[in-house]
């Protein structure tokens, strides 16, 4: 899974940091820091965080994870 946050769109509501604290955290008063490649164990939390973003600044790419799963299944 790959995560991209449009930091020019982010307004620091911190819903993501509340829902997925290992992947997103607020640094200082409003600066968002995030893990662009969160662990698979955080999958559901990251998806909930992206869905909860009031300005929809979080994009989650699941294609890499699906591709890796397909390769593992064919081996």
N, C-alpha and C. Protein backbone atom coordinates (compact mmCIF):
# COMPACT_ATOMS: atom_id res chain seq x y z
N UNK A 1 0.85 -1.17 0.00
CA UNK A 1 0.00 0.00 0.00
C UNK A 1 0.89 1.23 0.00
N UNK A 2 0.48 2.19 -0.81
CA UNK A 2 1.23 3.45 -0.87
C UNK A 2 0.27 4.58 -0.53
N UNK A 3 0.73 5.50 0.32
CA UNK A 3 -0.08 6.62 0.76
C UNK A 3 0.55 7.92 0.29
N UNK A 4 -0.28 8.80 -0.24
CA UNK A 4 0.16 10.13 -0.64
C UNK A 4 -0.83 11.12 -0.03
N UNK A 5 -0.30 12.16 0.60
CA UNK A 5 -1.13 13.21 1.17
C UNK A 5 -0.86 14.50 0.41
N UNK A 6 -1.91 15.13 -0.07
CA UNK A 6 -1.78 16.43 -0.71
C UNK A 6 -1.67 17.46 0.41
N UNK A 7 -0.44 17.81 0.75
CA UNK A 7 -0.20 18.69 1.89
C UNK A 7 -0.70 20.12 1.65
N UNK A 8 -0.89 20.51 0.40
CA UNK A 8 -1.45 21.83 0.14
C UNK A 8 -2.96 21.84 0.40
N UNK A 9 -3.55 20.67 0.38
CA UNK A 9 -4.98 20.53 0.65
C UNK A 9 -5.26 20.27 2.13
N UNK A 10 -4.34 19.60 2.81
CA UNK A 10 -4.50 19.24 4.23
C UNK A 10 -4.69 20.51 5.06
N UNK A 11 -5.68 20.48 5.94
CA UNK A 11 -5.95 21.63 6.80
C UNK A 11 -5.70 21.34 8.27
N UNK A 12 -5.09 20.20 8.56
CA UNK A 12 -4.68 19.87 9.93
C UNK A 12 -5.80 19.48 10.87
N UNK A 13 -6.87 18.90 10.35
CA UNK A 13 -7.97 18.45 11.22
C UNK A 13 -7.55 17.28 12.12
N UNK A 14 -6.55 16.53 11.70
CA UNK A 14 -5.94 15.44 12.47
C UNK A 14 -6.82 14.21 12.65
N UNK A 15 -7.85 14.08 11.84
CA UNK A 15 -8.67 12.86 11.91
C UNK A 15 -7.82 11.64 11.57
N UNK A 16 -6.92 11.79 10.62
CA UNK A 16 -6.05 10.68 10.21
C UNK A 16 -5.14 10.25 11.36
N UNK A 17 -4.59 11.22 12.07
CA UNK A 17 -3.69 10.91 13.19
C UNK A 17 -4.44 10.21 14.32
N UNK A 18 -5.69 10.53 14.48
CA UNK A 18 -6.52 9.89 15.50
C UNK A 18 -6.84 8.45 15.10
N UNK A 19 -7.15 8.22 13.83
CA UNK A 19 -7.58 6.90 13.37
C UNK A 19 -6.43 5.96 13.01
N UNK A 20 -5.29 6.50 12.62
CA UNK A 20 -4.14 5.67 12.24
C UNK A 20 -2.86 6.33 12.76
N UNK A 21 -2.67 6.34 14.08
CA UNK A 21 -1.55 7.07 14.67
C UNK A 21 -0.16 6.56 14.29
N UNK A 22 -0.06 5.32 13.85
CA UNK A 22 1.25 4.82 13.44
C UNK A 22 1.63 5.29 12.04
N UNK A 23 0.64 5.67 11.25
CA UNK A 23 0.89 6.11 9.88
C UNK A 23 0.88 7.64 9.74
N UNK A 24 0.08 8.31 10.57
CA UNK A 24 -0.07 9.77 10.48
C UNK A 24 0.16 10.40 11.85
N UNK A 25 0.83 11.54 11.86
CA UNK A 25 1.00 12.26 13.13
C UNK A 25 1.14 13.75 12.84
N UNK A 26 0.64 14.53 13.76
CA UNK A 26 0.72 15.98 13.64
C UNK A 26 1.99 16.43 14.34
N UNK A 27 2.80 17.17 13.65
CA UNK A 27 4.06 17.69 14.18
C UNK A 27 3.88 19.19 14.38
N UNK A 28 4.06 19.63 15.60
CA UNK A 28 3.84 21.04 15.89
C UNK A 28 2.35 21.31 15.98
N UNK A 29 1.93 22.45 15.50
CA UNK A 29 0.52 22.82 15.60
C UNK A 29 -0.34 22.25 14.48
N UNK A 30 0.19 22.22 13.26
CA UNK A 30 -0.65 21.76 12.14
C UNK A 30 0.09 20.97 11.07
N UNK A 31 1.39 20.75 11.19
CA UNK A 31 2.15 20.07 10.15
C UNK A 31 1.93 18.56 10.22
N UNK A 32 1.47 17.98 9.14
CA UNK A 32 1.23 16.54 9.10
C UNK A 32 2.48 15.82 8.63
N UNK A 33 2.85 14.78 9.34
CA UNK A 33 3.91 13.88 8.91
C UNK A 33 3.25 12.53 8.72
N UNK A 34 3.67 11.79 7.70
CA UNK A 34 3.03 10.50 7.44
C UNK A 34 4.02 9.51 6.85
N UNK A 35 3.68 8.25 6.98
CA UNK A 35 4.47 7.16 6.43
C UNK A 35 3.92 6.85 5.04
N UNK A 36 4.68 7.06 3.98
CA UNK A 36 4.16 6.81 2.63
C UNK A 36 3.98 5.33 2.30
N UNK A 37 4.60 4.46 3.10
CA UNK A 37 4.48 3.01 2.88
C UNK A 37 4.17 2.32 4.21
N UNK A 38 2.97 2.51 4.73
CA UNK A 38 2.65 1.91 6.03
C UNK A 38 2.62 0.38 5.96
N UNK A 39 2.85 -0.23 7.08
CA UNK A 39 2.84 -1.68 7.21
C UNK A 39 1.45 -2.22 6.86
N UNK A 40 1.41 -3.42 6.30
CA UNK A 40 0.13 -4.03 5.92
C UNK A 40 -0.81 -4.21 7.12
N UNK A 41 -0.26 -4.32 8.30
CA UNK A 41 -1.09 -4.47 9.50
C UNK A 41 -1.93 -3.22 9.76
N UNK A 42 -1.55 -2.10 9.17
CA UNK A 42 -2.27 -0.84 9.35
C UNK A 42 -3.28 -0.58 8.24
N UNK A 43 -3.45 -1.53 7.35
CA UNK A 43 -4.30 -1.38 6.18
C UNK A 43 -5.67 -0.78 6.48
N UNK A 44 -6.43 -1.41 7.37
CA UNK A 44 -7.78 -0.94 7.67
C UNK A 44 -7.78 0.44 8.31
N UNK A 45 -6.84 0.67 9.20
CA UNK A 45 -6.77 1.97 9.87
C UNK A 45 -6.47 3.08 8.87
N UNK A 46 -5.56 2.82 7.94
CA UNK A 46 -5.20 3.82 6.94
C UNK A 46 -6.38 4.12 6.02
N UNK A 47 -7.10 3.08 5.62
CA UNK A 47 -8.27 3.30 4.77
C UNK A 47 -9.35 4.10 5.50
N UNK A 48 -9.55 3.82 6.79
CA UNK A 48 -10.52 4.60 7.58
C UNK A 48 -10.06 6.06 7.70
N UNK A 49 -8.77 6.25 7.91
CA UNK A 49 -8.24 7.61 8.03
C UNK A 49 -8.44 8.38 6.73
N UNK A 50 -8.18 7.75 5.60
CA UNK A 50 -8.36 8.41 4.31
C UNK A 50 -9.83 8.77 4.10
N UNK A 51 -10.72 7.86 4.45
CA UNK A 51 -12.16 8.12 4.29
C UNK A 51 -12.65 9.23 5.22
N UNK A 52 -12.03 9.37 6.37
CA UNK A 52 -12.46 10.36 7.36
C UNK A 52 -11.91 11.76 7.11
N UNK A 53 -10.96 11.89 6.21
CA UNK A 53 -10.36 13.21 5.96
C UNK A 53 -11.42 14.17 5.42
N UNK A 54 -11.70 15.26 6.14
CA UNK A 54 -12.75 16.19 5.71
C UNK A 54 -12.49 16.86 4.37
N UNK A 55 -11.22 16.97 3.98
CA UNK A 55 -10.89 17.63 2.71
C UNK A 55 -10.39 16.64 1.66
N UNK A 56 -10.47 15.34 1.97
CA UNK A 56 -10.05 14.27 1.05
C UNK A 56 -8.64 14.49 0.51
N UNK A 57 -7.71 14.76 1.42
CA UNK A 57 -6.32 15.02 1.04
C UNK A 57 -5.48 13.75 0.98
N UNK A 58 -6.02 12.62 1.43
CA UNK A 58 -5.25 11.38 1.52
C UNK A 58 -5.64 10.43 0.39
N UNK A 59 -4.65 10.01 -0.38
CA UNK A 59 -4.86 9.05 -1.45
C UNK A 59 -4.14 7.75 -1.08
N UNK A 60 -4.83 6.63 -1.25
CA UNK A 60 -4.25 5.33 -0.93
C UNK A 60 -4.24 4.49 -2.20
N UNK A 61 -3.07 4.01 -2.57
CA UNK A 61 -2.92 3.17 -3.75
C UNK A 61 -2.80 1.72 -3.30
N UNK A 62 -3.80 0.93 -3.64
CA UNK A 62 -3.80 -0.48 -3.24
C UNK A 62 -3.33 -1.39 -4.36
N UNK A 63 -3.04 -0.86 -5.54
CA UNK A 63 -2.66 -1.68 -6.68
C UNK A 63 -1.39 -2.47 -6.42
N UNK A 64 -0.42 -1.85 -5.76
CA UNK A 64 0.83 -2.56 -5.47
C UNK A 64 0.56 -3.77 -4.59
N UNK A 65 -0.31 -3.63 -3.61
CA UNK A 65 -0.62 -4.72 -2.69
C UNK A 65 -1.34 -5.85 -3.44
N UNK A 66 -2.26 -5.50 -4.33
CA UNK A 66 -2.97 -6.52 -5.10
C UNK A 66 -2.02 -7.26 -6.02
N UNK A 67 -1.10 -6.52 -6.65
CA UNK A 67 -0.14 -7.12 -7.56
C UNK A 67 0.77 -8.09 -6.80
N UNK A 68 1.23 -7.70 -5.64
CA UNK A 68 2.11 -8.56 -4.83
C UNK A 68 1.35 -9.82 -4.39
N UNK A 69 0.07 -9.67 -4.03
CA UNK A 69 -0.73 -10.83 -3.62
C UNK A 69 -0.92 -11.79 -4.78
N UNK A 70 -1.14 -11.27 -5.98
CA UNK A 70 -1.33 -12.11 -7.15
C UNK A 70 -0.05 -12.87 -7.47
N UNK A 71 1.09 -12.21 -7.36
CA UNK A 71 2.37 -12.89 -7.61
C UNK A 71 2.62 -13.99 -6.58
N UNK A 72 2.30 -13.72 -5.33
CA UNK A 72 2.51 -14.71 -4.27
C UNK A 72 1.60 -15.92 -4.48
N UNK A 73 0.38 -15.69 -4.96
CA UNK A 73 -0.57 -16.78 -5.19
C UNK A 73 -0.15 -17.66 -6.35
N UNK A 74 0.48 -17.08 -7.37
CA UNK A 74 0.87 -17.85 -8.53
C UNK A 74 2.16 -18.63 -8.31
N UNK A 75 2.87 -18.37 -7.25
CA UNK A 75 4.15 -19.07 -6.98
C UNK A 75 3.93 -20.44 -6.40
